[in-house]
Amino acid sequence: MAYFYLLIAVVFETIGTSALQASQQFSRLVPSMIVVTAYAASFFFMAIVLRYLPVGITYAIWSGLGIVLIAAIGFVVFGQRLDWPAIVGMAMILGGILIIHLFSKSAVH
């Protein structure tokens, strides 16, 4: 169940960061309210996850998946392109998350 809550936290973080771009530096009310609400929800669910997983593992997965999802949303929604070094770097982040999940004794399965 911890990984399910972590996934919810990542989704809310992704929504919040996407709304942050749309808020135009907090000059638009509705996207700004979405930012605050989504980040609050993300941290709420991440706090639940911390009952079951170590903070380092939780944060590594939360931030790593968030980076990749935001890059995808940036590409699709905002037309932001990535160069090859950025793509390779993100692939390495995903590889690190897989290694943690598959092989670490610190991560609860």
N, C-alpha and C. Protein backbone atom coordinates (compact mmCIF):
# COMPACT_ATOMS: atom_id res chain seq x y z
N MET A 1 0.82 -1.19 0.00
CA MET A 1 0.00 0.00 0.00
C MET A 1 0.87 1.26 0.00
N ALA A 2 2.08 1.15 0.56
CA ALA A 2 2.97 2.31 0.61
C ALA A 2 3.30 2.82 -0.79
N TYR A 3 3.55 1.91 -1.71
CA TYR A 3 3.88 2.33 -3.07
C TYR A 3 2.68 2.96 -3.78
N PHE A 4 1.48 2.53 -3.44
CA PHE A 4 0.27 3.15 -4.00
C PHE A 4 0.17 4.60 -3.53
N TYR A 5 0.36 4.83 -2.23
CA TYR A 5 0.33 6.19 -1.70
C TYR A 5 1.46 7.04 -2.28
N LEU A 6 2.61 6.41 -2.50
CA LEU A 6 3.72 7.13 -3.11
C LEU A 6 3.38 7.54 -4.54
N LEU A 7 2.73 6.68 -5.27
CA LEU A 7 2.30 7.01 -6.63
C LEU A 7 1.31 8.17 -6.61
N ILE A 8 0.38 8.18 -5.67
CA ILE A 8 -0.55 9.30 -5.53
C ILE A 8 0.20 10.58 -5.24
N ALA A 9 1.20 10.51 -4.35
CA ALA A 9 2.01 11.69 -4.03
C ALA A 9 2.73 12.21 -5.27
N VAL A 10 3.26 11.31 -6.08
CA VAL A 10 3.95 11.71 -7.32
C VAL A 10 2.97 12.37 -8.29
N VAL A 11 1.78 11.83 -8.40
CA VAL A 11 0.78 12.41 -9.31
C VAL A 11 0.42 13.83 -8.86
N PHE A 12 0.19 14.03 -7.57
CA PHE A 12 -0.12 15.36 -7.07
C PHE A 12 1.06 16.32 -7.25
N GLU A 13 2.27 15.83 -7.04
CA GLU A 13 3.45 16.68 -7.25
C GLU A 13 3.55 17.08 -8.72
N THR A 14 3.25 16.18 -9.61
CA THR A 14 3.30 16.46 -11.04
C THR A 14 2.23 17.48 -11.43
N ILE A 15 1.05 17.33 -10.87
CA ILE A 15 -0.01 18.30 -11.12
C ILE A 15 0.40 19.67 -10.61
N GLY A 16 0.96 19.71 -9.41
CA GLY A 16 1.38 20.98 -8.82
C GLY A 16 2.46 21.68 -9.62
N THR A 17 3.43 20.92 -10.09
CA THR A 17 4.51 21.51 -10.87
C THR A 17 4.02 21.97 -12.24
N SER A 18 3.12 21.21 -12.84
CA SER A 18 2.54 21.64 -14.12
C SER A 18 1.74 22.93 -13.93
N ALA A 19 0.98 23.00 -12.86
CA ALA A 19 0.22 24.22 -12.57
C ALA A 19 1.14 25.39 -12.25
N LEU A 20 2.30 25.10 -11.68
CA LEU A 20 3.27 26.15 -11.39
C LEU A 20 3.71 26.85 -12.67
N GLN A 21 3.93 26.06 -13.72
CA GLN A 21 4.27 26.64 -15.02
C GLN A 21 3.09 27.47 -15.54
N ALA A 22 1.88 26.96 -15.40
CA ALA A 22 0.69 27.65 -15.89
C ALA A 22 0.33 28.88 -15.06
N SER A 23 0.81 28.94 -13.82
CA SER A 23 0.46 30.07 -12.94
C SER A 23 1.17 31.36 -13.34
N GLN A 24 2.17 31.24 -14.20
CA GLN A 24 2.96 32.40 -14.65
C GLN A 24 3.47 33.21 -13.45
N GLN A 25 4.29 32.54 -12.65
CA GLN A 25 4.91 33.11 -11.45
C GLN A 25 3.86 33.60 -10.45
N PHE A 26 2.84 32.79 -10.23
CA PHE A 26 1.74 33.06 -9.29
C PHE A 26 0.95 34.31 -9.64
N SER A 27 0.90 34.67 -10.90
CA SER A 27 0.12 35.84 -11.32
C SER A 27 -1.30 35.46 -11.76
N ARG A 28 -1.58 34.17 -11.88
CA ARG A 28 -2.92 33.69 -12.25
C ARG A 28 -3.48 32.90 -11.07
N LEU A 29 -4.68 33.28 -10.63
CA LEU A 29 -5.25 32.76 -9.39
C LEU A 29 -5.52 31.25 -9.41
N VAL A 30 -6.25 30.76 -10.39
CA VAL A 30 -6.66 29.35 -10.38
C VAL A 30 -5.46 28.41 -10.45
N PRO A 31 -4.52 28.59 -11.39
CA PRO A 31 -3.35 27.71 -11.37
C PRO A 31 -2.54 27.82 -10.07
N SER A 32 -2.50 29.02 -9.50
CA SER A 32 -1.77 29.20 -8.23
C SER A 32 -2.42 28.42 -7.10
N MET A 33 -3.75 28.41 -7.08
CA MET A 33 -4.47 27.63 -6.06
C MET A 33 -4.26 26.14 -6.27
N ILE A 34 -4.19 25.71 -7.53
CA ILE A 34 -3.92 24.30 -7.83
C ILE A 34 -2.53 23.92 -7.34
N VAL A 35 -1.55 24.81 -7.52
CA VAL A 35 -0.18 24.54 -7.06
C VAL A 35 -0.19 24.26 -5.56
N VAL A 36 -0.76 25.15 -4.80
CA VAL A 36 -0.74 25.02 -3.34
C VAL A 36 -1.50 23.76 -2.90
N THR A 37 -2.65 23.53 -3.47
CA THR A 37 -3.47 22.37 -3.10
C THR A 37 -2.78 21.05 -3.48
N ALA A 38 -2.23 21.00 -4.69
CA ALA A 38 -1.60 19.77 -5.16
C ALA A 38 -0.34 19.45 -4.35
N TYR A 39 0.47 20.47 -4.04
CA TYR A 39 1.66 20.21 -3.23
C TYR A 39 1.29 19.78 -1.81
N ALA A 40 0.25 20.39 -1.26
CA ALA A 40 -0.20 19.98 0.09
C ALA A 40 -0.65 18.52 0.07
N ALA A 41 -1.40 18.14 -0.95
CA ALA A 41 -1.84 16.74 -1.06
C ALA A 41 -0.65 15.81 -1.27
N SER A 42 0.31 16.24 -2.08
CA SER A 42 1.49 15.42 -2.33
C SER A 42 2.26 15.17 -1.03
N PHE A 43 2.48 16.22 -0.26
CA PHE A 43 3.22 16.05 1.00
C PHE A 43 2.42 15.25 2.02
N PHE A 44 1.09 15.38 1.99
CA PHE A 44 0.25 14.57 2.88
C PHE A 44 0.45 13.08 2.59
N PHE A 45 0.34 12.71 1.32
CA PHE A 45 0.50 11.30 0.97
C PHE A 45 1.93 10.82 1.17
N MET A 46 2.90 11.70 0.93
CA MET A 46 4.29 11.30 1.17
C MET A 46 4.52 11.07 2.67
N ALA A 47 3.87 11.86 3.51
CA ALA A 47 4.00 11.65 4.96
C ALA A 47 3.46 10.28 5.37
N ILE A 48 2.39 9.85 4.72
CA ILE A 48 1.85 8.51 5.00
C ILE A 48 2.88 7.45 4.60
N VAL A 49 3.49 7.65 3.45
CA VAL A 49 4.49 6.68 2.95
C VAL A 49 5.66 6.56 3.93
N LEU A 50 6.01 7.66 4.57
CA LEU A 50 7.16 7.65 5.48
C LEU A 50 6.94 6.78 6.71
N ARG A 51 5.71 6.34 6.95
CA ARG A 51 5.46 5.37 8.02
C ARG A 51 6.04 4.01 7.67
N TYR A 52 6.18 3.75 6.36
CA TYR A 52 6.55 2.41 5.89
C TYR A 52 7.91 2.33 5.18
N LEU A 53 8.32 3.42 4.56
CA LEU A 53 9.58 3.43 3.80
C LEU A 53 10.52 4.48 4.36
N PRO A 54 11.82 4.24 4.28
CA PRO A 54 12.79 5.25 4.73
C PRO A 54 12.68 6.51 3.88
N VAL A 55 13.01 7.64 4.49
CA VAL A 55 12.87 8.93 3.81
C VAL A 55 13.74 9.00 2.55
N GLY A 56 14.92 8.43 2.57
CA GLY A 56 15.80 8.47 1.40
C GLY A 56 15.22 7.72 0.21
N ILE A 57 14.66 6.55 0.47
CA ILE A 57 14.04 5.75 -0.58
C ILE A 57 12.79 6.46 -1.10
N THR A 58 11.97 6.95 -0.18
CA THR A 58 10.75 7.66 -0.55
C THR A 58 11.06 8.86 -1.43
N TYR A 59 12.01 9.67 -1.00
CA TYR A 59 12.32 10.88 -1.74
C TYR A 59 12.96 10.57 -3.09
N ALA A 60 13.79 9.56 -3.14
CA ALA A 60 14.42 9.18 -4.41
C ALA A 60 13.37 8.80 -5.45
N ILE A 61 12.42 8.00 -5.04
CA ILE A 61 11.37 7.57 -5.98
C ILE A 61 10.45 8.74 -6.31
N TRP A 62 10.05 9.51 -5.32
CA TRP A 62 9.14 10.65 -5.51
C TRP A 62 9.75 11.66 -6.48
N SER A 63 10.98 12.05 -6.21
CA SER A 63 11.60 13.06 -7.06
C SER A 63 11.97 12.51 -8.43
N GLY A 64 12.45 11.28 -8.49
CA GLY A 64 12.85 10.69 -9.77
C GLY A 64 11.68 10.53 -10.73
N LEU A 65 10.60 9.95 -10.23
CA LEU A 65 9.43 9.80 -11.09
C LEU A 65 8.84 11.16 -11.45
N GLY A 66 8.87 12.08 -10.50
CA GLY A 66 8.38 13.44 -10.78
C GLY A 66 9.16 14.12 -11.89
N ILE A 67 10.48 13.97 -11.87
CA ILE A 67 11.32 14.56 -12.90
C ILE A 67 10.94 14.04 -14.28
N VAL A 68 10.81 12.74 -14.38
CA VAL A 68 10.50 12.13 -15.68
C VAL A 68 9.09 12.52 -16.15
N LEU A 69 8.12 12.48 -15.25
CA LEU A 69 6.76 12.85 -15.64
C LEU A 69 6.65 14.31 -16.03
N ILE A 70 7.33 15.19 -15.30
CA ILE A 70 7.30 16.62 -15.63
C ILE A 70 7.97 16.87 -16.97
N ALA A 71 9.05 16.17 -17.25
CA ALA A 71 9.70 16.32 -18.56
C ALA A 71 8.76 15.89 -19.68
N ALA A 72 8.02 14.81 -19.46
CA ALA A 72 7.05 14.35 -20.48
C ALA A 72 5.93 15.36 -20.65
N ILE A 73 5.41 15.88 -19.55
CA ILE A 73 4.34 16.88 -19.62
C ILE A 73 4.87 18.16 -20.27
N GLY A 74 6.08 18.55 -19.91
CA GLY A 74 6.69 19.74 -20.53
C GLY A 74 6.79 19.60 -22.03
N PHE A 75 7.11 18.40 -22.49
CA PHE A 75 7.21 18.15 -23.92
C PHE A 75 5.85 18.19 -24.59
N VAL A 76 4.88 17.47 -24.02
CA VAL A 76 3.55 17.34 -24.64
C VAL A 76 2.74 18.63 -24.52
N VAL A 77 2.70 19.21 -23.34
CA VAL A 77 1.80 20.35 -23.09
C VAL A 77 2.46 21.69 -23.43
N PHE A 78 3.72 21.86 -23.03
CA PHE A 78 4.36 23.17 -23.17
C PHE A 78 5.35 23.23 -24.34
N GLY A 79 5.52 22.13 -25.07
CA GLY A 79 6.41 22.12 -26.22
C GLY A 79 7.89 22.27 -25.88
N GLN A 80 8.28 21.87 -24.66
CA GLN A 80 9.67 21.98 -24.23
C GLN A 80 10.42 20.73 -24.66
N ARG A 81 11.48 20.90 -25.39
CA ARG A 81 12.25 19.77 -25.93
C ARG A 81 13.47 19.49 -25.04
N LEU A 82 13.86 18.22 -25.03
CA LEU A 82 15.04 17.79 -24.28
C LEU A 82 16.13 17.36 -25.25
N ASP A 83 17.38 17.63 -24.89
CA ASP A 83 18.49 17.14 -25.71
C ASP A 83 18.88 15.74 -25.21
N TRP A 84 19.79 15.10 -25.95
CA TRP A 84 20.19 13.73 -25.60
C TRP A 84 20.79 13.59 -24.21
N PRO A 85 21.66 14.51 -23.76
CA PRO A 85 22.18 14.36 -22.40
C PRO A 85 21.08 14.37 -21.33
N ALA A 86 20.05 15.19 -21.54
CA ALA A 86 18.94 15.22 -20.58
C ALA A 86 18.18 13.91 -20.60
N ILE A 87 17.94 13.37 -21.77
CA ILE A 87 17.22 12.10 -21.90
C ILE A 87 18.02 10.96 -21.26
N VAL A 88 19.33 10.93 -21.52
CA VAL A 88 20.18 9.89 -20.93
C VAL A 88 20.20 10.03 -19.41
N GLY A 89 20.29 11.26 -18.92
CA GLY A 89 20.28 11.49 -17.48
C GLY A 89 18.99 11.00 -16.83
N MET A 90 17.88 11.27 -17.47
CA MET A 90 16.59 10.80 -16.93
C MET A 90 16.48 9.29 -17.00
N ALA A 91 17.02 8.69 -18.03
CA ALA A 91 17.04 7.22 -18.11
C ALA A 91 17.87 6.65 -16.95
N MET A 92 18.95 7.32 -16.61
CA MET A 92 19.77 6.87 -15.48
C MET A 92 19.00 7.00 -14.17
N ILE A 93 18.21 8.08 -14.03
CA ILE A 93 17.38 8.24 -12.83
C ILE A 93 16.39 7.09 -12.73
N LEU A 94 15.72 6.78 -13.84
CA LEU A 94 14.78 5.65 -13.83
C LEU A 94 15.49 4.34 -13.51
N GLY A 95 16.70 4.17 -14.04
CA GLY A 95 17.48 2.98 -13.72
C GLY A 95 17.78 2.90 -12.24
N GLY A 96 18.10 4.02 -11.64
CA GLY A 96 18.35 4.06 -10.19
C GLY A 96 17.12 3.68 -9.39
N ILE A 97 15.97 4.16 -9.81
CA ILE A 97 14.73 3.81 -9.13
C ILE A 97 14.46 2.31 -9.24
N LEU A 98 14.70 1.75 -10.41
CA LEU A 98 14.52 0.30 -10.58
C LEU A 98 15.48 -0.50 -9.71
N ILE A 99 16.72 -0.07 -9.63
CA ILE A 99 17.70 -0.76 -8.79
C ILE A 99 17.26 -0.72 -7.33
N ILE A 100 16.81 0.45 -6.88
CA ILE A 100 16.32 0.56 -5.49
C ILE A 100 15.16 -0.39 -5.27
N HIS A 101 14.21 -0.36 -6.18
CA HIS A 101 13.00 -1.16 -6.00
C HIS A 101 13.29 -2.66 -6.07
N LEU A 102 14.13 -3.06 -6.98
CA LEU A 102 14.38 -4.49 -7.20
C LEU A 102 15.40 -5.10 -6.25
N PHE A 103 16.41 -4.33 -5.83
CA PHE A 103 17.52 -4.93 -5.14
C PHE A 103 17.78 -4.42 -3.72
N SER A 104 17.23 -3.26 -3.35
CA SER A 104 17.54 -2.70 -2.04
C SER A 104 16.77 -3.40 -0.94
N LYS A 105 17.46 -3.70 0.13
CA LYS A 105 16.81 -4.26 1.30
C LYS A 105 16.19 -3.15 2.15
N SER A 106 16.53 -1.89 1.83
CA SER A 106 15.94 -0.76 2.54
C SER A 106 14.51 -0.50 2.11
N ALA A 107 14.17 -0.86 0.87
CA ALA A 107 12.82 -0.66 0.36
C ALA A 107 11.96 -1.84 0.74
N VAL A 108 10.81 -1.54 1.34
CA VAL A 108 9.87 -2.58 1.74
C VAL A 108 9.07 -3.02 0.52
N HIS A 109 8.98 -4.32 0.30
CA HIS A 109 8.23 -4.82 -0.87
C HIS A 109 6.96 -5.49 -0.43
